[in-house]
Amino acid sequence: MLGVKLEETRVYQEAKQEGREEGREEGREELTLELVPRLLARGMSIEEVGQLLNLTIEQVRLAAE
């Protein structure tokens, strides 16, 4: 219509970047939670794992299940 593609608009670019950032954050959270059982299996306490990964005790317990 105006000769501008959707992909070229500022709104599209900002939404695309926001989606990437959200995806990265979700990936980091997922990786953190995947580490919990491994660290517990190596003998770390729930409290130590929580401190190391910046998680609450409840988050560590849930991830360990």
PDB file of N, CA and C in Angstrom:
ATOM      1  N   MET A   1       0.828  -1.186   0.000  1.00  0.00           N
ATOM      2  CA  MET A   1       0.000   0.000   0.000  1.00  0.00           C
ATOM      3  C   MET A   1       0.873   1.250   0.000  1.00  0.00           C
ATOM      4  N   LEU A   2       1.736   1.393   0.963  1.00  0.00           N
ATOM      5  CA  LEU A   2       2.635   2.547   1.023  1.00  0.00           C
ATOM      6  C   LEU A   2       4.040   2.183   0.565  1.00  0.00           C
ATOM      7  N   GLY A   3       4.219   0.957   0.123  1.00  0.00           N
ATOM      8  CA  GLY A   3       5.537   0.516  -0.312  1.00  0.00           C
ATOM      9  C   GLY A   3       6.443   0.112   0.830  1.00  0.00           C
ATOM     10  N   VAL A   4       5.878  -0.111   2.016  1.00  0.00           N
ATOM     11  CA  VAL A   4       6.658  -0.512   3.181  1.00  0.00           C
ATOM     12  C   VAL A   4       6.241  -1.925   3.574  1.00  0.00           C
ATOM     13  N   LYS A   5       7.220  -2.785   3.712  1.00  0.00           N
ATOM     14  CA  LYS A   5       6.943  -4.155   4.142  1.00  0.00           C
ATOM     15  C   LYS A   5       6.802  -4.186   5.658  1.00  0.00           C
ATOM     16  N   LEU A   6       5.966  -5.089   6.134  1.00  0.00           N
ATOM     17  CA  LEU A   6       5.758  -5.235   7.576  1.00  0.00           C
ATOM     18  C   LEU A   6       7.089  -5.434   8.296  1.00  0.00           C
ATOM     19  N   GLU A   7       7.957  -6.263   7.722  1.00  0.00           N
ATOM     20  CA  GLU A   7       9.250  -6.568   8.354  1.00  0.00           C
ATOM     21  C   GLU A   7      10.144  -5.339   8.497  1.00  0.00           C
ATOM     22  N   GLU A   8       9.877  -4.297   7.761  1.00  0.00           N
ATOM     23  CA  GLU A   8      10.693  -3.085   7.800  1.00  0.00           C
ATOM     24  C   GLU A   8      10.209  -2.060   8.822  1.00  0.00           C
ATOM     25  N   THR A   9       9.061  -2.289   9.420  1.00  0.00           N
ATOM     26  CA  THR A   9       8.515  -1.298  10.345  1.00  0.00           C
ATOM     27  C   THR A   9       9.193  -1.379  11.704  1.00  0.00           C
ATOM     28  N   ARG A  10       9.224  -0.275  12.383  1.00  0.00           N
ATOM     29  CA  ARG A  10       9.824  -0.189  13.714  1.00  0.00           C
ATOM     30  C   ARG A  10       9.076  -1.082  14.701  1.00  0.00           C
ATOM     31  N   VAL A  11       7.763  -1.082  14.618  1.00  0.00           N
ATOM     32  CA  VAL A  11       6.945  -1.884  15.531  1.00  0.00           C
ATOM     33  C   VAL A  11       7.284  -3.362  15.372  1.00  0.00           C
ATOM     34  N   TYR A  12       7.403  -3.806  14.136  1.00  0.00           N
ATOM     35  CA  TYR A  12       7.739  -5.209  13.876  1.00  0.00           C
ATOM     36  C   TYR A  12       9.118  -5.543  14.441  1.00  0.00           C
ATOM     37  N   GLN A  13      10.086  -4.687  14.186  1.00  0.00           N
ATOM     38  CA  GLN A  13      11.453  -4.927  14.655  1.00  0.00           C
ATOM     39  C   GLN A  13      11.514  -4.972  16.179  1.00  0.00           C
ATOM     40  N   GLU A  14      10.793  -4.064  16.841  1.00  0.00           N
ATOM     41  CA  GLU A  14      10.778  -4.053  18.306  1.00  0.00           C
ATOM     42  C   GLU A  14      10.119  -5.318  18.862  1.00  0.00           C
ATOM     43  N   ALA A  15       9.023  -5.739  18.244  1.00  0.00           N
ATOM     44  CA  ALA A  15       8.340  -6.958  18.691  1.00  0.00           C
ATOM     45  C   ALA A  15       9.228  -8.182  18.485  1.00  0.00           C
ATOM     46  N   LYS A  16       9.928  -8.207  17.387  1.00  0.00           N
ATOM     47  CA  LYS A  16      10.838  -9.318  17.091  1.00  0.00           C
ATOM     48  C   LYS A  16      11.958  -9.379  18.124  1.00  0.00           C
ATOM     49  N   GLN A  17      12.543  -8.239  18.446  1.00  0.00           N
ATOM     50  CA  GLN A  17      13.615  -8.185  19.446  1.00  0.00           C
ATOM     51  C   GLN A  17      13.095  -8.596  20.813  1.00  0.00           C
ATOM     52  N   GLU A  18      11.906  -8.130  21.181  1.00  0.00           N
ATOM     53  CA  GLU A  18      11.320  -8.488  22.467  1.00  0.00           C
ATOM     54  C   GLU A  18      11.095  -9.998  22.552  1.00  0.00           C
ATOM     55  N   GLY A  19      10.650 -10.582  21.470  1.00  0.00           N
ATOM     56  CA  GLY A  19      10.458 -12.032  21.428  1.00  0.00           C
ATOM     57  C   GLY A  19      11.758 -12.783  21.616  1.00  0.00           C
ATOM     58  N   ARG A  20      12.820 -12.296  21.016  1.00  0.00           N
ATOM     59  CA  ARG A  20      14.139 -12.921  21.184  1.00  0.00           C
ATOM     60  C   ARG A  20      14.587 -12.850  22.639  1.00  0.00           C
ATOM     61  N   GLU A  21      14.419 -11.682  23.238  1.00  0.00           N
ATOM     62  CA  GLU A  21      14.844 -11.505  24.622  1.00  0.00           C
ATOM     63  C   GLU A  21      14.050 -12.394  25.561  1.00  0.00           C
ATOM     64  N   GLU A  22      12.738 -12.506  25.331  1.00  0.00           N
ATOM     65  CA  GLU A  22      11.914 -13.384  26.157  1.00  0.00           C
ATOM     66  C   GLU A  22      12.338 -14.829  25.974  1.00  0.00           C
ATOM     67  N   GLY A  23      12.645 -15.213  24.751  1.00  0.00           N
ATOM     68  CA  GLY A  23      13.097 -16.575  24.477  1.00  0.00           C
ATOM     69  C   GLY A  23      14.405 -16.888  25.174  1.00  0.00           C
ATOM     70  N   ARG A  24      15.318 -15.938  25.176  1.00  0.00           N
ATOM     71  CA  ARG A  24      16.600 -16.137  25.862  1.00  0.00           C
ATOM     72  C   ARG A  24      16.393 -16.292  27.363  1.00  0.00           C
ATOM     73  N   GLU A  25      15.532 -15.460  27.926  1.00  0.00           N
ATOM     74  CA  GLU A  25      15.265 -15.523  29.367  1.00  0.00           C
ATOM     75  C   GLU A  25      14.636 -16.858  29.740  1.00  0.00           C
ATOM     76  N   GLU A  26      13.680 -17.305  28.926  1.00  0.00           N
ATOM     77  CA  GLU A  26      13.054 -18.601  29.195  1.00  0.00           C
ATOM     78  C   GLU A  26      14.077 -19.717  29.098  1.00  0.00           C
ATOM     79  N   GLY A  27      14.977 -19.614  28.139  1.00  0.00           N
ATOM     80  CA  GLY A  27      16.034 -20.615  27.987  1.00  0.00           C
ATOM     81  C   GLY A  27      16.961 -20.646  29.191  1.00  0.00           C
ATOM     82  N   ARG A  28      17.301 -19.472  29.714  1.00  0.00           N
ATOM     83  CA  ARG A  28      18.155 -19.411  30.902  1.00  0.00           C
ATOM     84  C   ARG A  28      17.461 -20.046  32.101  1.00  0.00           C
ATOM     85  N   GLU A  29      16.183 -19.742  32.274  1.00  0.00           N
ATOM     86  CA  GLU A  29      15.435 -20.301  33.400  1.00  0.00           C
ATOM     87  C   GLU A  29      15.352 -21.824  33.283  1.00  0.00           C
ATOM     88  N   GLU A  30      15.111 -22.300  32.077  1.00  0.00           N
ATOM     89  CA  GLU A  30      15.016 -23.740  31.854  1.00  0.00           C
ATOM     90  C   GLU A  30      16.348 -24.422  32.168  1.00  0.00           C
ATOM     91  N   LEU A  31      17.438 -23.837  31.708  1.00  0.00           N
ATOM     92  CA  LEU A  31      18.756 -24.406  31.971  1.00  0.00           C
ATOM     93  C   LEU A  31      19.054 -24.419  33.462  1.00  0.00           C
ATOM     94  N   THR A  32      18.725 -23.331  34.144  1.00  0.00           N
ATOM     95  CA  THR A  32      18.946 -23.258  35.588  1.00  0.00           C
ATOM     96  C   THR A  32      18.214 -24.387  36.298  1.00  0.00           C
ATOM     97  N   LEU A  33      16.960 -24.598  35.928  1.00  0.00           N
ATOM     98  CA  LEU A  33      16.174 -25.646  36.576  1.00  0.00           C
ATOM     99  C   LEU A  33      16.684 -27.039  36.224  1.00  0.00           C
ATOM    100  N   GLU A  34      17.273 -27.200  35.050  1.00  0.00           N
ATOM    101  CA  GLU A  34      17.852 -28.488  34.670  1.00  0.00           C
ATOM    102  C   GLU A  34      19.105 -28.799  35.484  1.00  0.00           C
ATOM    103  N   LEU A  35      19.770 -27.783  35.976  1.00  0.00           N
ATOM    104  CA  LEU A  35      20.984 -27.989  36.769  1.00  0.00           C
ATOM    105  C   LEU A  35      20.685 -28.507  38.172  1.00  0.00           C
ATOM    106  N   VAL A  36      19.501 -28.228  38.684  1.00  0.00           N
ATOM    107  CA  VAL A  36      19.164 -28.572  40.067  1.00  0.00           C
ATOM    108  C   VAL A  36      19.390 -30.055  40.365  1.00  0.00           C
ATOM    109  N   PRO A  37      18.782 -30.976  39.630  1.00  0.00           N
ATOM    110  CA  PRO A  37      18.983 -32.394  39.961  1.00  0.00           C
ATOM    111  C   PRO A  37      20.442 -32.839  39.862  1.00  0.00           C
ATOM    112  N   ARG A  38      21.165 -32.270  38.922  1.00  0.00           N
ATOM    113  CA  ARG A  38      22.582 -32.630  38.761  1.00  0.00           C
ATOM    114  C   ARG A  38      23.400 -32.207  39.981  1.00  0.00           C
ATOM    115  N   LEU A  39      23.142 -30.991  40.452  1.00  0.00           N
ATOM    116  CA  LEU A  39      23.892 -30.498  41.604  1.00  0.00           C
ATOM    117  C   LEU A  39      23.524 -31.273  42.869  1.00  0.00           C
ATOM    118  N   LEU A  40      22.253 -31.586  43.018  1.00  0.00           N
ATOM    119  CA  LEU A  40      21.832 -32.379  44.181  1.00  0.00           C
ATOM    120  C   LEU A  40      22.444 -33.767  44.128  1.00  0.00           C
ATOM    121  N   ALA A  41      22.537 -34.349  42.937  1.00  0.00           N
ATOM    122  CA  ALA A  41      23.127 -35.674  42.778  1.00  0.00           C
ATOM    123  C   ALA A  41      24.618 -35.677  43.115  1.00  0.00           C
ATOM    124  N   ARG A  42      25.249 -34.525  42.999  1.00  0.00           N
ATOM    125  CA  ARG A  42      26.671 -34.414  43.341  1.00  0.00           C
ATOM    126  C   ARG A  42      26.892 -34.131  44.820  1.00  0.00           C
ATOM    127  N   GLY A  43      25.790 -34.114  45.576  1.00  0.00           N
ATOM    128  CA  GLY A  43      25.924 -33.988  47.016  1.00  0.00           C
ATOM    129  C   GLY A  43      25.696 -32.614  47.592  1.00  0.00           C
ATOM    130  N   MET A  44      25.325 -31.664  46.771  1.00  0.00           N
ATOM    131  CA  MET A  44      25.057 -30.325  47.305  1.00  0.00           C
ATOM    132  C   MET A  44      23.717 -30.341  48.029  1.00  0.00           C
ATOM    133  N   SER A  45      23.595 -29.541  49.042  1.00  0.00           N
ATOM    134  CA  SER A  45      22.330 -29.440  49.773  1.00  0.00           C
ATOM    135  C   SER A  45      21.356 -28.555  48.997  1.00  0.00           C
ATOM    136  N   ILE A  46      20.091 -28.674  49.353  1.00  0.00           N
ATOM    137  CA  ILE A  46      19.066 -27.840  48.722  1.00  0.00           C
ATOM    138  C   ILE A  46      19.396 -26.370  48.936  1.00  0.00           C
ATOM    139  N   GLU A  47      19.843 -26.036  50.124  1.00  0.00           N
ATOM    140  CA  GLU A  47      20.183 -24.644  50.433  1.00  0.00           C
ATOM    141  C   GLU A  47      21.354 -24.156  49.573  1.00  0.00           C
ATOM    142  N   GLU A  48      22.376 -25.000  49.415  1.00  0.00           N
ATOM    143  CA  GLU A  48      23.536 -24.620  48.598  1.00  0.00           C
ATOM    144  C   GLU A  48      23.133 -24.411  47.140  1.00  0.00           C
ATOM    145  N   VAL A  49      22.307 -25.305  46.627  1.00  0.00           N
ATOM    146  CA  VAL A  49      21.858 -25.183  45.241  1.00  0.00           C
ATOM    147  C   VAL A  49      21.053 -23.892  45.069  1.00  0.00           C
ATOM    148  N   GLY A  50      20.176 -23.621  46.019  1.00  0.00           N
ATOM    149  CA  GLY A  50      19.385 -22.395  45.956  1.00  0.00           C
ATOM    150  C   GLY A  50      20.251 -21.150  45.938  1.00  0.00           C
ATOM    151  N   GLN A  51      21.256 -21.127  46.785  1.00  0.00           N
ATOM    152  CA  GLN A  51      22.151 -19.964  46.834  1.00  0.00           C
ATOM    153  C   GLN A  51      22.950 -19.843  45.539  1.00  0.00           C
ATOM    154  N   LEU A  52      23.473 -20.948  45.056  1.00  0.00           N
ATOM    155  CA  LEU A  52      24.294 -20.940  43.855  1.00  0.00           C
ATOM    156  C   LEU A  52      23.508 -20.470  42.630  1.00  0.00           C
ATOM    157  N   LEU A  53      22.266 -20.952  42.512  1.00  0.00           N
ATOM    158  CA  LEU A  53      21.460 -20.648  41.329  1.00  0.00           C
ATOM    159  C   LEU A  53      20.468 -19.506  41.536  1.00  0.00           C
ATOM    160  N   ASN A  54      20.529 -18.901  42.715  1.00  0.00           N
ATOM    161  CA  ASN A  54      19.630 -17.784  43.048  1.00  0.00           C
ATOM    162  C   ASN A  54      18.163 -18.207  42.960  1.00  0.00           C
ATOM    163  N   LEU A  55      17.864 -19.352  43.568  1.00  0.00           N
ATOM    164  CA  LEU A  55      16.506 -19.892  43.616  1.00  0.00           C
ATOM    165  C   LEU A  55      16.062 -20.011  45.062  1.00  0.00           C
ATOM    166  N   THR A  56      14.754 -20.028  45.258  1.00  0.00           N
ATOM    167  CA  THR A  56      14.236 -20.280  46.592  1.00  0.00           C
ATOM    168  C   THR A  56      14.301 -21.776  46.880  1.00  0.00           C
ATOM    169  N   ILE A  57      14.189 -22.134  48.142  1.00  0.00           N
ATOM    170  CA  ILE A  57      14.189 -23.540  48.534  1.00  0.00           C
ATOM    171  C   ILE A  57      13.044 -24.260  47.841  1.00  0.00           C
ATOM    172  N   GLU A  58      11.899 -23.622  47.770  1.00  0.00           N
ATOM    173  CA  GLU A  58      10.736 -24.228  47.114  1.00  0.00           C
ATOM    174  C   GLU A  58      10.995 -24.468  45.623  1.00  0.00           C
ATOM    175  N   GLN A  59      11.630 -23.525  44.957  1.00  0.00           N
ATOM    176  CA  GLN A  59      11.949 -23.698  43.541  1.00  0.00           C
ATOM    177  C   GLN A  59      12.906 -24.875  43.340  1.00  0.00           C
ATOM    178  N   VAL A  60      13.866 -25.010  44.243  1.00  0.00           N
ATOM    179  CA  VAL A  60      14.818 -26.124  44.143  1.00  0.00           C
ATOM    180  C   VAL A  60      14.077 -27.441  44.351  1.00  0.00           C
ATOM    181  N   ARG A  61      13.218 -27.494  45.343  1.00  0.00           N
ATOM    182  CA  ARG A  61      12.463 -28.733  45.599  1.00  0.00           C
ATOM    183  C   ARG A  61      11.599 -29.108  44.415  1.00  0.00           C
ATOM    184  N   LEU A  62      10.924 -28.145  43.829  1.00  0.00           N
ATOM    185  CA  LEU A  62      10.065 -28.421  42.673  1.00  0.00           C
ATOM    186  C   LEU A  62      10.885 -28.886  41.477  1.00  0.00           C
ATOM    187  N   ALA A  63      12.023 -28.293  41.250  1.00  0.00           N
ATOM    188  CA  ALA A  63      12.865 -28.677  40.123  1.00  0.00           C
ATOM    189  C   ALA A  63      13.481 -30.054  40.331  1.00  0.00           C
ATOM    190  N   ALA A  64      13.622 -30.464  41.581  1.00  0.00           N
ATOM    191  CA  ALA A  64      14.231 -31.755  41.885  1.00  0.00           C
ATOM    192  C   ALA A  64      13.251 -32.916  41.674  1.00  0.00           C
ATOM    193  N   GLU A  65      11.974 -32.621  41.606  1.00  0.00           N
ATOM    194  CA  GLU A  65      10.961 -33.679  41.479  1.00  0.00           C
ATOM    195  C   GLU A  65      10.957 -34.288  40.100  1.00  0.00           C
TER     196      GLU A  65
END
